[in-house]
Amino acid sequence: MNTLVPPSSSLLDRKEVVVAVLDRALAEPCFLAQLAADPFASMSAVGVRITAMDLRVLLGLTVATDHELVQVLRARLSSTDSASCGCGS
């Protein structure tokens, strides 16, 4: 796969690429719909591979264990189950 950011790049560079993809989604309604429907496949399609460490950085959990990361993700997903907008508020 031809990635926008090599896996060996710094986490800051990887975060900037994810932000750029999200900016694209905000500017392009069709891409936003794709991203909303299948975030991992959409990111992969534009050459971005999301790792557990990427999720830790994006969520501000850089020192979290795998178990803690999964717990946080599960809690955040559970908290949005009843929200119609999916934003958790």
Protein backbone atom coordinates (compact mmCIF):
# COMPACT_ATOMS: atom_id res chain seq x y z
CA MET A 1 0.00 0.00 0.00
CA ASN A 2 1.25 3.47 -0.82
CA THR A 3 0.76 5.36 2.45
CA LEU A 4 0.77 9.10 2.85
CA VAL A 5 2.85 8.74 5.99
CA PRO A 6 5.23 5.83 6.48
CA PRO A 7 4.61 3.78 9.65
CA SER A 8 8.05 4.81 10.90
CA SER A 9 7.21 8.53 10.77
CA SER A 10 6.68 10.54 13.91
CA LEU A 11 3.33 10.41 15.63
CA LEU A 12 2.96 14.16 15.10
CA ASP A 13 3.29 13.72 11.33
CA ARG A 14 0.74 10.89 11.40
CA LYS A 15 -1.67 13.04 13.42
CA GLU A 16 -1.32 15.89 10.90
CA VAL A 17 -2.22 13.52 8.06
CA VAL A 18 -5.33 12.31 9.90
CA VAL A 19 -6.33 15.94 10.47
CA ALA A 20 -5.81 16.63 6.75
CA VAL A 21 -8.11 13.71 5.88
CA LEU A 22 -10.74 15.03 8.30
CA ASP A 23 -10.41 18.50 6.73
CA ARG A 24 -11.04 16.89 3.34
CA ALA A 25 -14.14 15.20 4.73
CA LEU A 26 -15.46 18.55 5.93
CA ALA A 27 -14.91 20.06 2.49
CA GLU A 28 -16.26 17.14 0.43
CA PRO A 29 -19.72 15.84 1.39
CA CYS A 30 -19.29 12.59 -0.58
CA PHE A 31 -16.04 11.79 1.21
CA LEU A 32 -17.63 12.72 4.54
CA ALA A 33 -20.39 10.18 3.87
CA GLN A 34 -17.78 7.51 3.04
CA LEU A 35 -15.77 8.32 6.14
CA ALA A 36 -18.84 8.23 8.35
CA ALA A 37 -19.98 4.90 6.90
CA ASP A 38 -16.61 3.14 7.18
CA PRO A 39 -13.83 5.19 8.78
CA PHE A 40 -11.08 2.58 8.64
CA ALA A 41 -11.72 1.58 5.02
CA SER A 42 -11.98 5.25 4.00
CA MET A 43 -8.71 6.14 5.69
CA SER A 44 -7.07 3.10 4.12
CA ALA A 45 -8.39 4.07 0.67
CA VAL A 46 -6.53 7.40 0.88
CA GLY A 47 -3.37 5.71 2.10
CA VAL A 48 -3.66 6.21 5.84
CA ARG A 49 -3.28 3.22 8.12
CA ILE A 50 -4.59 3.81 11.64
CA THR A 51 -2.70 1.99 14.38
CA ALA A 52 -3.44 1.56 18.06
CA MET A 53 -0.74 4.13 18.80
CA ASP A 54 -2.43 6.59 16.42
CA LEU A 55 -5.68 6.15 18.35
CA ARG A 56 -3.83 6.70 21.62
CA VAL A 57 -2.34 9.97 20.33
CA LEU A 58 -5.61 11.21 18.85
CA LEU A 59 -7.46 10.43 22.09
CA GLY A 60 -4.72 11.81 24.34
CA LEU A 61 -3.99 8.38 25.83
CA THR A 62 -0.34 7.92 24.91
CA VAL A 63 0.51 6.05 28.12
CA ALA A 64 -2.56 3.80 28.05
CA THR A 65 -2.18 0.05 27.83
CA ASP A 66 -3.99 -1.88 25.09
CA HIS A 67 -6.62 -2.88 27.64
CA GLU A 68 -7.14 0.72 28.79
CA LEU A 69 -7.40 1.93 25.18
CA VAL A 70 -10.08 -0.64 24.43
CA GLN A 71 -11.95 0.31 27.62
CA VAL A 72 -11.94 4.01 26.64
CA LEU A 73 -13.04 3.27 23.07
CA ARG A 74 -15.83 1.01 24.35
CA ALA A 75 -16.99 3.63 26.86
CA ARG A 76 -17.01 6.38 24.22
CA LEU A 77 -18.92 4.20 21.78
CA SER A 78 -21.41 3.20 24.47
CA SER A 79 -21.99 6.82 25.44
CA THR A 80 -23.00 7.69 21.86
CA ASP A 81 -25.45 4.81 21.45
CA SER A 82 -28.38 6.93 22.60
CA ALA A 83 -27.29 10.19 20.98
CA SER A 84 -28.97 10.82 17.65
CA CYS A 85 -26.06 12.88 16.32
CA GLY A 86 -23.36 10.44 17.37
CA CYS A 87 -21.40 13.23 19.01
CA GLY A 88 -21.87 11.97 22.56
CA SER A 89 -23.56 15.11 23.85
